[in-house]
């Protein structure tokens, strides 16, 4: 059984699409050619229009000659949707994402070492690696935040630390007694 159905394209639709393509093919390069001629800039660079003109002619011919359209069957669409779901599930697995994160981090460090002026590209690669290994990145952010809090408390002067400790102890005592 075929994975597609052949659907006929009406002649009026084919004629309209071919005509629009032909008009665009003639008008756009023609207007550029007219402008270049009016500005007295004709030269060998004008031949750069030729590929666009030829591609437009080919597309117009294809619109005119294509009489049937291949549309996928519902079964083929369902199979393709299932393949995409399977691929999305695979891309969410840790054993797929973590190696990509490692490769991105290695690339970021290599780029930073070889071309320091492209530091922003290394930063983008590191952010992409953190997105790929989001669980590990979250643990690293929490651990870094805890380290910063402990470092902030440790950097307080002794008198502020004593007052902060007294506040914590008094809060614990009043919370236990219910007062």
Foldseek 3Di string as FASTA:
>chain_A
DDQWDKAFDDQVQLQVVLVVLLCCLCPPLVVVVVVCVVVVNDDPVNCVSVVSSVVSNVVSVCSNPDGIDIGGDPVSVVVVVVVVVVVVVVLLDLVNLQVQLVVLQVVLVVCCVPPVVVNVVSVVSNVSSCVSVVVVVVVVVVVVVVVVVVVVLVPDDPVVNVVVVVVVVVVVVCVVVVD
